[in-house]
Amino acid sequence: MDRGGAQIVVATGNAGKLREVEALLRSRYSVVGLAAFPGVALPEEGDDYRENAIRKARAAAVATGLPALGDDSGIEVEALGGAPGPRSARYGGPSLDARARNRLLLTVLSDVPTHARGARFFCVAALALPDGTAVSAEGECRGRILEDPSGRSGFGYDPIFQPEGFERSMAELPEAEKNRLSHRGRAVAALQPALERFVG
């Protein structure tokens, strides 16, 4: 339950992202998703996390007249030179869902040994105001790609990512623990000074 504070729009159509950001901010702010504002369109994503996050946040802020939080994130696999990176949500093409993207990534890495499966989740979170003001912050979570999916919580690549220091996948962690260590949780935490300054 939020405390009925200042309202913030989360610039995403991804229910999993909205749920995570709401959990991170609801103690202080009233968080709403784009579903509350039919017709708001977000810009096409490019290949730069920060640019994508700011463009999404600005589009939502201008369209709704409210402060907006946007983010762009991806999984970067060392054995693939940091790919798929900003293209993580589009990896393998638009016809694939999250489960199929996981299967594709595991297939590509099928011959890569455990010690060489290092990876990180990376996120840039951006806060934008209706006047165009925008600030951003980064967060990362390091770990490795598992050989097989595990867990039913989370979304995206969570079932095949094992954070450093854990024996479980991201999709097997309790929500509060995941939010504490996740790339998105860390990026939003780093954005807190800007939220306090510009939103209250």
C-alpha atoms as a PDB file:
ATOM      1  CA  MET A   1       0.000   0.000   0.000  1.00  0.00           C
ATOM      2  CA  ASP A   2       1.422   3.392  -0.953  1.00  0.00           C
ATOM      3  CA  ARG A   3       1.294   6.385   1.344  1.00  0.00           C
ATOM      4  CA  GLY A   4      -0.620   8.494  -1.148  1.00  0.00           C
ATOM      5  CA  GLY A   5       2.387  10.695  -1.889  1.00  0.00           C
ATOM      6  CA  ALA A   6       3.315  12.457  -5.108  1.00  0.00           C
ATOM      7  CA  GLN A   7       2.340  10.565  -8.219  1.00  0.00           C
ATOM      8  CA  ILE A   8       4.956   9.096 -10.549  1.00  0.00           C
ATOM      9  CA  VAL A   9       4.273   7.462 -13.905  1.00  0.00           C
ATOM     10  CA  VAL A  10       6.382   4.456 -14.827  1.00  0.00           C
ATOM     11  CA  ALA A  11       7.122   4.609 -18.548  1.00  0.00           C
ATOM     12  CA  THR A  12       6.708   0.945 -19.407  1.00  0.00           C
ATOM     13  CA  GLY A  13       4.178  -1.484 -20.759  1.00  0.00           C
ATOM     14  CA  ASN A  14       6.037  -4.362 -19.096  1.00  0.00           C
ATOM     15  CA  ALA A  15       4.017  -5.607 -16.131  1.00  0.00           C
ATOM     16  CA  GLY A  16       7.080  -7.125 -14.478  1.00  0.00           C
ATOM     17  CA  LYS A  17       9.016  -3.861 -14.585  1.00  0.00           C
ATOM     18  CA  LEU A  18       6.039  -1.926 -13.266  1.00  0.00           C
ATOM     19  CA  ARG A  19       5.648  -4.352 -10.378  1.00  0.00           C
ATOM     20  CA  GLU A  20       9.328  -4.024  -9.444  1.00  0.00           C
ATOM     21  CA  VAL A  21       9.411  -0.224  -9.609  1.00  0.00           C
ATOM     22  CA  GLU A  22       6.162   0.008  -7.647  1.00  0.00           C
ATOM     23  CA  ALA A  23       7.649  -2.191  -4.918  1.00  0.00           C
ATOM     24  CA  LEU A  24      10.714   0.047  -4.785  1.00  0.00           C
ATOM     25  CA  LEU A  25       8.824   3.344  -4.596  1.00  0.00           C
ATOM     26  CA  ARG A  26       5.408   2.691  -3.070  1.00  0.00           C
ATOM     27  CA  SER A  27       6.451   3.567   0.481  1.00  0.00           C
ATOM     28  CA  ARG A  28       6.910   7.176  -0.599  1.00  0.00           C
ATOM     29  CA  TYR A  29       5.108   7.727  -3.900  1.00  0.00           C
ATOM     30  CA  SER A  30       1.882   6.844  -5.650  1.00  0.00           C
ATOM     31  CA  VAL A  31       3.035   4.801  -8.641  1.00  0.00           C
ATOM     32  CA  VAL A  32       0.957   4.351 -11.801  1.00  0.00           C
ATOM     33  CA  GLY A  33       1.683   2.614 -15.080  1.00  0.00           C
ATOM     34  CA  LEU A  34       0.963   3.656 -18.637  1.00  0.00           C
ATOM     35  CA  ALA A  35      -2.219   1.569 -18.600  1.00  0.00           C
ATOM     36  CA  ALA A  36      -3.772   4.491 -16.701  1.00  0.00           C
ATOM     37  CA  PHE A  37      -3.059   6.730 -19.704  1.00  0.00           C
ATOM     38  CA  PRO A  38      -4.360   5.025 -22.855  1.00  0.00           C
ATOM     39  CA  GLY A  39      -2.824   6.334 -26.033  1.00  0.00           C
ATOM     40  CA  VAL A  40       0.565   7.305 -24.608  1.00  0.00           C
ATOM     41  CA  ALA A  41       3.166   5.986 -27.033  1.00  0.00           C
ATOM     42  CA  LEU A  42       6.785   5.346 -26.146  1.00  0.00           C
ATOM     43  CA  PRO A  43       9.589   5.933 -28.672  1.00  0.00           C
ATOM     44  CA  GLU A  44      11.362   3.104 -30.451  1.00  0.00           C
ATOM     45  CA  GLU A  45      14.394   1.841 -28.564  1.00  0.00           C
ATOM     46  CA  GLY A  46      17.908   2.278 -29.896  1.00  0.00           C
ATOM     47  CA  ASP A  47      21.256   0.885 -28.801  1.00  0.00           C
ATOM     48  CA  ASP A  48      22.070   3.195 -25.877  1.00  0.00           C
ATOM     49  CA  TYR A  49      20.661   2.460 -22.422  1.00  0.00           C
ATOM     50  CA  ARG A  50      20.744   6.039 -21.155  1.00  0.00           C
ATOM     51  CA  GLU A  51      19.234   7.526 -24.291  1.00  0.00           C
ATOM     52  CA  ASN A  52      16.467   4.927 -24.321  1.00  0.00           C
ATOM     53  CA  ALA A  53      15.623   5.472 -20.649  1.00  0.00           C
ATOM     54  CA  ILE A  54      15.515   9.266 -20.935  1.00  0.00           C
ATOM     55  CA  ARG A  55      13.467   9.243 -24.131  1.00  0.00           C
ATOM     56  CA  LYS A  56      10.873   6.938 -22.580  1.00  0.00           C
ATOM     57  CA  ALA A  57      10.693   8.962 -19.367  1.00  0.00           C
ATOM     58  CA  ARG A  58      10.380  12.278 -21.239  1.00  0.00           C
ATOM     59  CA  ALA A  59       7.672  10.938 -23.546  1.00  0.00           C
ATOM     60  CA  ALA A  60       5.608   9.773 -20.576  1.00  0.00           C
ATOM     61  CA  ALA A  61       6.171  12.991 -18.595  1.00  0.00           C
ATOM     62  CA  VAL A  62       5.178  15.245 -21.475  1.00  0.00           C
ATOM     63  CA  ALA A  63       2.125  13.144 -22.354  1.00  0.00           C
ATOM     64  CA  THR A  64       0.809  12.861 -18.782  1.00  0.00           C
ATOM     65  CA  GLY A  65       2.009  16.094 -17.189  1.00  0.00           C
ATOM     66  CA  LEU A  66       3.477  14.073 -14.308  1.00  0.00           C
ATOM     67  CA  PRO A  67       7.007  13.110 -13.256  1.00  0.00           C
ATOM     68  CA  ALA A  68       7.925   9.900 -15.052  1.00  0.00           C
ATOM     69  CA  LEU A  69      10.436   7.181 -14.450  1.00  0.00           C
ATOM     70  CA  GLY A  70      11.769   5.226 -17.405  1.00  0.00           C
ATOM     71  CA  ASP A  71      14.431   2.582 -17.543  1.00  0.00           C
ATOM     72  CA  ASP A  72      16.351   0.585 -20.061  1.00  0.00           C
ATOM     73  CA  SER A  73      18.125  -2.578 -19.105  1.00  0.00           C
ATOM     74  CA  GLY A  74      19.725  -5.632 -20.564  1.00  0.00           C
ATOM     75  CA  ILE A  75      21.823  -8.690 -19.951  1.00  0.00           C
ATOM     76  CA  GLU A  76      25.453  -8.569 -21.057  1.00  0.00           C
ATOM     77  CA  VAL A  77      27.209 -11.906 -21.551  1.00  0.00           C
ATOM     78  CA  GLU A  78      31.000 -11.891 -21.431  1.00  0.00           C
ATOM     79  CA  ALA A  79      31.350 -14.801 -23.879  1.00  0.00           C
ATOM     80  CA  LEU A  80      29.299 -12.804 -26.396  1.00  0.00           C
ATOM     81  CA  GLY A  81      31.299  -9.603 -26.040  1.00  0.00           C
ATOM     82  CA  GLY A  82      28.569  -7.962 -23.962  1.00  0.00           C
ATOM     83  CA  ALA A  83      25.658  -8.958 -26.191  1.00  0.00           C
ATOM     84  CA  PRO A  84      22.700  -8.875 -26.287  1.00  0.00           C
ATOM     85  CA  GLY A  85      22.974  -5.699 -24.148  1.00  0.00           C
ATOM     86  CA  PRO A  86      20.480  -2.944 -25.045  1.00  0.00           C
ATOM     87  CA  ARG A  87      18.904  -5.330 -27.552  1.00  0.00           C
ATOM     88  CA  SER A  88      18.040  -7.899 -24.871  1.00  0.00           C
ATOM     89  CA  ALA A  89      14.284  -7.388 -25.183  1.00  0.00           C
ATOM     90  CA  ARG A  90      14.579  -7.794 -28.961  1.00  0.00           C
ATOM     91  CA  TYR A  91      17.102 -10.645 -28.969  1.00  0.00           C
ATOM     92  CA  GLY A  92      16.263 -13.143 -31.686  1.00  0.00           C
ATOM     93  CA  GLY A  93      13.638 -10.904 -33.272  1.00  0.00           C
ATOM     94  CA  PRO A  94      10.135  -9.669 -32.452  1.00  0.00           C
ATOM     95  CA  SER A  95       8.488 -13.070 -32.817  1.00  0.00           C
ATOM     96  CA  LEU A  96      10.173 -14.478 -29.694  1.00  0.00           C
ATOM     97  CA  ASP A  97       8.726 -14.246 -26.205  1.00  0.00           C
ATOM     98  CA  ALA A  98      10.856 -14.201 -23.045  1.00  0.00           C
ATOM     99  CA  ARG A  99      10.978 -17.981 -22.747  1.00  0.00           C
ATOM    100  CA  ALA A 100      12.082 -18.366 -26.360  1.00  0.00           C
ATOM    101  CA  ARG A 101      14.776 -15.709 -25.911  1.00  0.00           C
ATOM    102  CA  ASN A 102      16.084 -17.626 -22.900  1.00  0.00           C
ATOM    103  CA  ARG A 103      16.180 -20.831 -24.913  1.00  0.00           C
ATOM    104  CA  LEU A 104      17.995 -19.076 -27.748  1.00  0.00           C
ATOM    105  CA  LEU A 105      20.632 -17.628 -25.431  1.00  0.00           C
ATOM    106  CA  LEU A 106      21.183 -21.005 -23.763  1.00  0.00           C
ATOM    107  CA  THR A 107      21.560 -22.635 -27.181  1.00  0.00           C
ATOM    108  CA  VAL A 108      24.125 -20.046 -28.258  1.00  0.00           C
ATOM    109  CA  LEU A 109      26.063 -20.684 -25.032  1.00  0.00           C
ATOM    110  CA  SER A 110      25.669 -24.476 -25.059  1.00  0.00           C
ATOM    111  CA  ASP A 111      29.395 -25.090 -25.622  1.00  0.00           C
ATOM    112  CA  VAL A 112      30.566 -22.409 -23.170  1.00  0.00           C
ATOM    113  CA  PRO A 113      31.891 -23.931 -19.905  1.00  0.00           C
ATOM    114  CA  THR A 114      30.656 -22.839 -16.488  1.00  0.00           C
ATOM    115  CA  HIS A 115      33.736 -20.747 -15.694  1.00  0.00           C
ATOM    116  CA  ALA A 116      33.262 -18.700 -18.879  1.00  0.00           C
ATOM    117  CA  ARG A 117      29.561 -17.904 -18.476  1.00  0.00           C
ATOM    118  CA  GLY A 118      30.012 -14.617 -16.625  1.00  0.00           C
ATOM    119  CA  ALA A 119      27.348 -11.981 -17.225  1.00  0.00           C
ATOM    120  CA  ARG A 120      25.744  -8.939 -15.722  1.00  0.00           C
ATOM    121  CA  PHE A 121      22.360  -7.291 -15.712  1.00  0.00           C
ATOM    122  CA  PHE A 122      22.737  -3.545 -16.352  1.00  0.00           C
ATOM    123  CA  CYS A 123      20.127  -0.795 -16.001  1.00  0.00           C
ATOM    124  CA  VAL A 124      19.850   2.940 -16.490  1.00  0.00           C
ATOM    125  CA  ALA A 125      16.872   4.525 -14.724  1.00  0.00           C
ATOM    126  CA  ALA A 126      15.807   8.031 -15.694  1.00  0.00           C
ATOM    127  CA  LEU A 127      13.519  10.561 -14.055  1.00  0.00           C
ATOM    128  CA  ALA A 128      11.930  13.140 -16.339  1.00  0.00           C
ATOM    129  CA  LEU A 129       9.677  16.111 -15.587  1.00  0.00           C
ATOM    130  CA  PRO A 130       7.064  17.612 -17.915  1.00  0.00           C
ATOM    131  CA  ASP A 131       9.376  20.587 -18.591  1.00  0.00           C
ATOM    132  CA  GLY A 132      11.987  18.265 -20.118  1.00  0.00           C
ATOM    133  CA  THR A 133      14.342  18.096 -17.144  1.00  0.00           C
ATOM    134  CA  ALA A 134      15.881  14.627 -16.956  1.00  0.00           C
ATOM    135  CA  VAL A 135      18.419  12.881 -14.744  1.00  0.00           C
ATOM    136  CA  SER A 136      19.622   9.285 -14.794  1.00  0.00           C
ATOM    137  CA  ALA A 137      21.447   6.727 -12.676  1.00  0.00           C
ATOM    138  CA  GLU A 138      22.967   3.301 -13.271  1.00  0.00           C
ATOM    139  CA  GLY A 139      22.836  -0.057 -11.547  1.00  0.00           C
ATOM    140  CA  GLU A 140      24.305  -3.481 -12.209  1.00  0.00           C
ATOM    141  CA  CYS A 141      24.087  -7.019 -10.881  1.00  0.00           C
ATOM    142  CA  ARG A 142      26.888  -9.434 -11.726  1.00  0.00           C
ATOM    143  CA  GLY A 143      26.615 -13.181 -11.960  1.00  0.00           C
ATOM    144  CA  ARG A 144      26.566 -15.941 -14.548  1.00  0.00           C
ATOM    145  CA  ILE A 145      24.302 -17.632 -17.061  1.00  0.00           C
ATOM    146  CA  LEU A 146      22.993 -20.993 -15.882  1.00  0.00           C
ATOM    147  CA  GLU A 147      22.899 -24.092 -18.058  1.00  0.00           C
ATOM    148  CA  ASP A 148      19.128 -24.470 -17.640  1.00  0.00           C
ATOM    149  CA  PRO A 149      16.246 -22.213 -16.538  1.00  0.00           C
ATOM    150  CA  SER A 150      15.265 -22.390 -12.887  1.00  0.00           C
ATOM    151  CA  GLY A 151      12.495 -20.663 -10.948  1.00  0.00           C
ATOM    152  CA  ARG A 152       9.085 -19.211 -11.714  1.00  0.00           C
ATOM    153  CA  SER A 153       9.314 -15.705 -10.264  1.00  0.00           C
ATOM    154  CA  GLY A 154      10.694 -12.624 -11.966  1.00  0.00           C
ATOM    155  CA  PHE A 155      10.572 -12.143 -15.711  1.00  0.00           C
ATOM    156  CA  GLY A 156      12.795 -11.813 -18.752  1.00  0.00           C
ATOM    157  CA  TYR A 157      16.173 -13.488 -18.283  1.00  0.00           C
ATOM    158  CA  ASP A 158      15.760 -13.995 -14.524  1.00  0.00           C
ATOM    159  CA  PRO A 159      15.355 -17.818 -14.754  1.00  0.00           C
ATOM    160  CA  ILE A 160      18.770 -18.270 -16.418  1.00  0.00           C
ATOM    161  CA  PHE A 161      20.772 -15.735 -14.384  1.00  0.00           C
ATOM    162  CA  GLN A 162      22.479 -16.601 -11.091  1.00  0.00           C
ATOM    163  CA  PRO A 163      23.650 -13.539  -9.103  1.00  0.00           C
ATOM    164  CA  GLU A 164      27.095 -13.585  -7.535  1.00  0.00           C
ATOM    165  CA  GLY A 165      27.055 -15.072  -4.048  1.00  0.00           C
ATOM    166  CA  PHE A 166      23.830 -17.018  -4.575  1.00  0.00           C
ATOM    167  CA  GLU A 167      23.110 -20.648  -5.386  1.00  0.00           C
ATOM    168  CA  ARG A 168      19.743 -19.799  -6.901  1.00  0.00           C
ATOM    169  CA  SER A 169      18.605 -18.037 -10.038  1.00  0.00           C
ATOM    170  CA  MET A 170      17.184 -14.525  -9.920  1.00  0.00           C
ATOM    171  CA  ALA A 171      13.767 -16.100 -10.561  1.00  0.00           C
ATOM    172  CA  GLU A 172      14.052 -18.131  -7.342  1.00  0.00           C
ATOM    173  CA  LEU A 173      14.724 -15.201  -5.015  1.00  0.00           C
ATOM    174  CA  PRO A 174      12.030 -13.595  -2.834  1.00  0.00           C
ATOM    175  CA  GLU A 175      10.830 -10.284  -4.252  1.00  0.00           C
ATOM    176  CA  ALA A 176      12.399  -8.149  -1.531  1.00  0.00           C
ATOM    177  CA  GLU A 177      15.777  -9.841  -1.903  1.00  0.00           C
ATOM    178  CA  LYS A 178      15.720  -9.541  -5.678  1.00  0.00           C
ATOM    179  CA  ASN A 179      14.804  -5.843  -5.513  1.00  0.00           C
ATOM    180  CA  ARG A 180      17.669  -5.197  -3.108  1.00  0.00           C
ATOM    181  CA  LEU A 181      20.362  -6.645  -5.349  1.00  0.00           C
ATOM    182  CA  SER A 182      18.936  -6.287  -8.847  1.00  0.00           C
ATOM    183  CA  HIS A 183      20.279  -3.894 -11.456  1.00  0.00           C
ATOM    184  CA  ARG A 184      16.944  -2.070 -11.530  1.00  0.00           C
ATOM    185  CA  GLY A 185      16.735  -1.852  -7.751  1.00  0.00           C
ATOM    186  CA  ARG A 186      20.234  -0.407  -7.588  1.00  0.00           C
ATOM    187  CA  ALA A 187      19.576   2.096 -10.385  1.00  0.00           C
ATOM    188  CA  VAL A 188      16.369   3.325  -8.746  1.00  0.00           C
ATOM    189  CA  ALA A 189      18.160   3.550  -5.389  1.00  0.00           C
ATOM    190  CA  ALA A 190      20.875   5.680  -7.025  1.00  0.00           C
ATOM    191  CA  LEU A 191      18.131   7.907  -8.436  1.00  0.00           C
ATOM    192  CA  GLN A 192      16.637   8.596  -4.997  1.00  0.00           C
ATOM    193  CA  PRO A 193      18.424  11.963  -4.460  1.00  0.00           C
ATOM    194  CA  ALA A 194      16.940  13.228  -7.732  1.00  0.00           C
ATOM    195  CA  LEU A 195      13.488  11.904  -6.798  1.00  0.00           C
ATOM    196  CA  GLU A 196      13.664  13.717  -3.465  1.00  0.00           C
ATOM    197  CA  ARG A 197      14.837  16.926  -5.126  1.00  0.00           C
ATOM    198  CA  PHE A 198      12.408  17.056  -8.019  1.00  0.00           C
ATOM    199  CA  VAL A 199       9.371  15.100  -6.794  1.00  0.00           C
ATOM    200  CA  GLY A 200       9.494  15.406  -3.019  1.00  0.00           C
END
